[in-house]
Amino acid sequence: MLEYVKLILEKVSFESSLFEKELKKGIKALTFREIRELRKWCYEKFGSIYRGILNRTFRRTQVQLIS
């Protein structure tokens, strides 16, 4: 599933709101370990253009995982 989420994110990376939507949707389908891998990959691949979206989305994910 992780590879599928990565593929989708690459395909929608041209538009920020679509990227954010698909990132949130993808996170819901992944395990904790996969989310950590996705986070690392996203920052490497998209950190320069979508850092704000990544920070916001992964911060929310951490809060949800802790609760």
N, C-alpha and C. Protein backbone atom coordinates (compact mmCIF):
# COMPACT_ATOMS: atom_id res chain seq x y z
N MET A 1 0.82 -1.19 0.00
CA MET A 1 0.00 0.00 0.00
C MET A 1 0.87 1.26 0.00
N LEU A 2 1.99 1.19 0.69
CA LEU A 2 2.89 2.34 0.74
C LEU A 2 3.34 2.76 -0.66
N GLU A 3 3.72 1.82 -1.47
CA GLU A 3 4.18 2.14 -2.82
C GLU A 3 3.06 2.76 -3.65
N TYR A 4 1.84 2.29 -3.44
CA TYR A 4 0.69 2.85 -4.15
C TYR A 4 0.48 4.31 -3.74
N VAL A 5 0.56 4.61 -2.46
CA VAL A 5 0.39 5.98 -1.97
C VAL A 5 1.48 6.88 -2.56
N LYS A 6 2.71 6.39 -2.60
CA LYS A 6 3.80 7.17 -3.20
C LYS A 6 3.51 7.47 -4.67
N LEU A 7 3.04 6.47 -5.40
CA LEU A 7 2.72 6.64 -6.82
C LEU A 7 1.65 7.72 -7.01
N ILE A 8 0.61 7.66 -6.21
CA ILE A 8 -0.46 8.65 -6.30
C ILE A 8 0.07 10.05 -6.00
N LEU A 9 0.86 10.17 -4.94
CA LEU A 9 1.40 11.49 -4.58
C LEU A 9 2.28 12.06 -5.69
N GLU A 10 3.05 11.23 -6.34
CA GLU A 10 3.87 11.71 -7.46
C GLU A 10 2.98 12.21 -8.59
N LYS A 11 1.88 11.51 -8.84
CA LYS A 11 0.99 11.88 -9.95
C LYS A 11 0.22 13.17 -9.68
N VAL A 12 -0.08 13.47 -8.42
CA VAL A 12 -0.88 14.66 -8.11
C VAL A 12 -0.02 15.82 -7.58
N SER A 13 1.27 15.67 -7.61
CA SER A 13 2.16 16.68 -7.03
C SER A 13 2.14 18.02 -7.76
N PHE A 14 1.48 18.09 -8.89
CA PHE A 14 1.41 19.34 -9.64
C PHE A 14 0.46 20.35 -9.00
N GLU A 15 -0.40 19.89 -8.08
CA GLU A 15 -1.42 20.78 -7.50
C GLU A 15 -1.48 20.58 -5.99
N SER A 16 -1.26 21.64 -5.24
CA SER A 16 -1.07 21.53 -3.79
C SER A 16 -2.29 20.99 -3.04
N SER A 17 -3.49 21.46 -3.36
CA SER A 17 -4.67 21.00 -2.61
C SER A 17 -4.96 19.53 -2.89
N LEU A 18 -4.73 19.09 -4.10
CA LEU A 18 -4.91 17.68 -4.45
C LEU A 18 -3.85 16.83 -3.76
N PHE A 19 -2.63 17.34 -3.72
CA PHE A 19 -1.55 16.63 -3.03
C PHE A 19 -1.88 16.45 -1.56
N GLU A 20 -2.35 17.51 -0.92
CA GLU A 20 -2.70 17.43 0.50
C GLU A 20 -3.83 16.44 0.75
N LYS A 21 -4.84 16.49 -0.09
CA LYS A 21 -5.99 15.58 0.03
C LYS A 21 -5.54 14.12 -0.08
N GLU A 22 -4.73 13.82 -1.08
CA GLU A 22 -4.28 12.45 -1.29
C GLU A 22 -3.31 11.99 -0.21
N LEU A 23 -2.52 12.92 0.32
CA LEU A 23 -1.61 12.58 1.41
C LEU A 23 -2.42 12.17 2.64
N LYS A 24 -3.43 12.94 2.99
CA LYS A 24 -4.27 12.62 4.14
C LYS A 24 -4.98 11.28 3.93
N LYS A 25 -5.49 11.06 2.75
CA LYS A 25 -6.18 9.82 2.44
C LYS A 25 -5.22 8.64 2.52
N GLY A 26 -4.03 8.82 1.99
CA GLY A 26 -3.03 7.75 2.01
C GLY A 26 -2.59 7.38 3.41
N ILE A 27 -2.42 8.37 4.26
CA ILE A 27 -1.99 8.12 5.64
C ILE A 27 -2.99 7.23 6.37
N LYS A 28 -4.27 7.44 6.11
CA LYS A 28 -5.32 6.65 6.78
C LYS A 28 -5.22 5.16 6.44
N ALA A 29 -4.63 4.84 5.30
CA ALA A 29 -4.57 3.45 4.84
C ALA A 29 -3.28 2.74 5.26
N LEU A 30 -2.38 3.45 5.94
CA LEU A 30 -1.07 2.89 6.23
C LEU A 30 -0.90 2.53 7.71
N THR A 31 0.04 1.65 7.96
CA THR A 31 0.42 1.32 9.34
C THR A 31 1.35 2.40 9.87
N PHE A 32 1.59 2.37 11.18
CA PHE A 32 2.47 3.35 11.80
C PHE A 32 3.86 3.33 11.16
N ARG A 33 4.41 2.14 10.95
CA ARG A 33 5.74 2.01 10.33
C ARG A 33 5.74 2.58 8.92
N GLU A 34 4.70 2.29 8.16
CA GLU A 34 4.60 2.81 6.80
C GLU A 34 4.47 4.33 6.78
N ILE A 35 3.75 4.88 7.76
CA ILE A 35 3.61 6.34 7.85
C ILE A 35 4.98 6.98 8.09
N ARG A 36 5.79 6.37 8.94
CA ARG A 36 7.14 6.91 9.18
C ARG A 36 7.96 6.88 7.90
N GLU A 37 7.87 5.79 7.14
CA GLU A 37 8.60 5.70 5.87
C GLU A 37 8.09 6.74 4.88
N LEU A 38 6.76 6.88 4.82
CA LEU A 38 6.17 7.85 3.90
C LEU A 38 6.61 9.26 4.26
N ARG A 39 6.64 9.57 5.54
CA ARG A 39 7.05 10.90 6.01
C ARG A 39 8.47 11.21 5.53
N LYS A 40 9.37 10.29 5.73
CA LYS A 40 10.76 10.48 5.31
C LYS A 40 10.83 10.69 3.80
N TRP A 41 10.15 9.86 3.05
CA TRP A 41 10.15 9.93 1.59
C TRP A 41 9.56 11.26 1.12
N CYS A 42 8.45 11.68 1.73
CA CYS A 42 7.79 12.93 1.32
C CYS A 42 8.70 14.13 1.53
N TYR A 43 9.37 14.18 2.68
CA TYR A 43 10.25 15.32 2.93
C TYR A 43 11.43 15.34 1.96
N GLU A 44 11.94 14.17 1.61
CA GLU A 44 13.04 14.10 0.64
C GLU A 44 12.57 14.53 -0.74
N LYS A 45 11.40 14.07 -1.13
CA LYS A 45 10.91 14.28 -2.50
C LYS A 45 10.20 15.63 -2.68
N PHE A 46 9.40 16.03 -1.69
CA PHE A 46 8.55 17.21 -1.86
C PHE A 46 8.79 18.29 -0.81
N GLY A 47 9.77 18.12 0.04
CA GLY A 47 10.02 19.07 1.12
C GLY A 47 10.28 20.49 0.65
N SER A 48 10.88 20.63 -0.49
CA SER A 48 11.20 21.98 -0.97
C SER A 48 9.97 22.74 -1.47
N ILE A 49 8.95 22.02 -1.92
CA ILE A 49 7.77 22.72 -2.46
C ILE A 49 6.54 22.64 -1.56
N TYR A 50 6.43 21.58 -0.77
CA TYR A 50 5.23 21.39 0.06
C TYR A 50 5.55 21.23 1.54
N ARG A 51 6.59 21.89 2.01
CA ARG A 51 6.99 21.74 3.42
C ARG A 51 5.85 22.09 4.38
N GLY A 52 5.13 23.15 4.11
CA GLY A 52 4.03 23.55 4.98
C GLY A 52 2.94 22.49 5.07
N ILE A 53 2.57 21.95 3.94
CA ILE A 53 1.56 20.88 3.90
C ILE A 53 2.06 19.67 4.65
N LEU A 54 3.30 19.29 4.42
CA LEU A 54 3.87 18.12 5.09
C LEU A 54 3.92 18.33 6.60
N ASN A 55 4.39 19.49 7.03
CA ASN A 55 4.46 19.78 8.47
C ASN A 55 3.08 19.67 9.10
N ARG A 56 2.11 20.32 8.50
CA ARG A 56 0.75 20.35 9.03
C ARG A 56 0.14 18.94 9.06
N THR A 57 0.26 18.22 7.98
CA THR A 57 -0.36 16.90 7.88
C THR A 57 0.29 15.89 8.81
N PHE A 58 1.61 15.84 8.83
CA PHE A 58 2.27 14.86 9.69
C PHE A 58 2.19 15.24 11.17
N ARG A 59 2.07 16.50 11.48
CA ARG A 59 1.87 16.92 12.88
C ARG A 59 0.51 16.41 13.37
N ARG A 60 -0.52 16.57 12.54
CA ARG A 60 -1.85 16.05 12.89
C ARG A 60 -1.82 14.54 13.06
N THR A 61 -1.08 13.88 12.21
CA THR A 61 -0.99 12.42 12.28
C THR A 61 -0.36 11.99 13.59
N GLN A 62 0.68 12.68 14.03
CA GLN A 62 1.32 12.33 15.31
C GLN A 62 0.35 12.48 16.46
N VAL A 63 -0.45 13.53 16.44
CA VAL A 63 -1.42 13.76 17.51
C VAL A 63 -2.46 12.64 17.52
N GLN A 64 -2.93 12.25 16.36
CA GLN A 64 -3.93 11.19 16.26
C GLN A 64 -3.37 9.84 16.70
N LEU A 65 -2.12 9.58 16.39
CA LEU A 65 -1.51 8.31 16.78
C LEU A 65 -1.29 8.24 18.28
N ILE A 66 -1.01 9.37 18.90
CA ILE A 66 -0.77 9.40 20.35
C ILE A 66 -2.08 9.23 21.11
N SER A 67 -3.15 9.81 20.61
CA SER A 67 -4.45 9.77 21.30
C SER A 67 -5.02 8.38 21.39
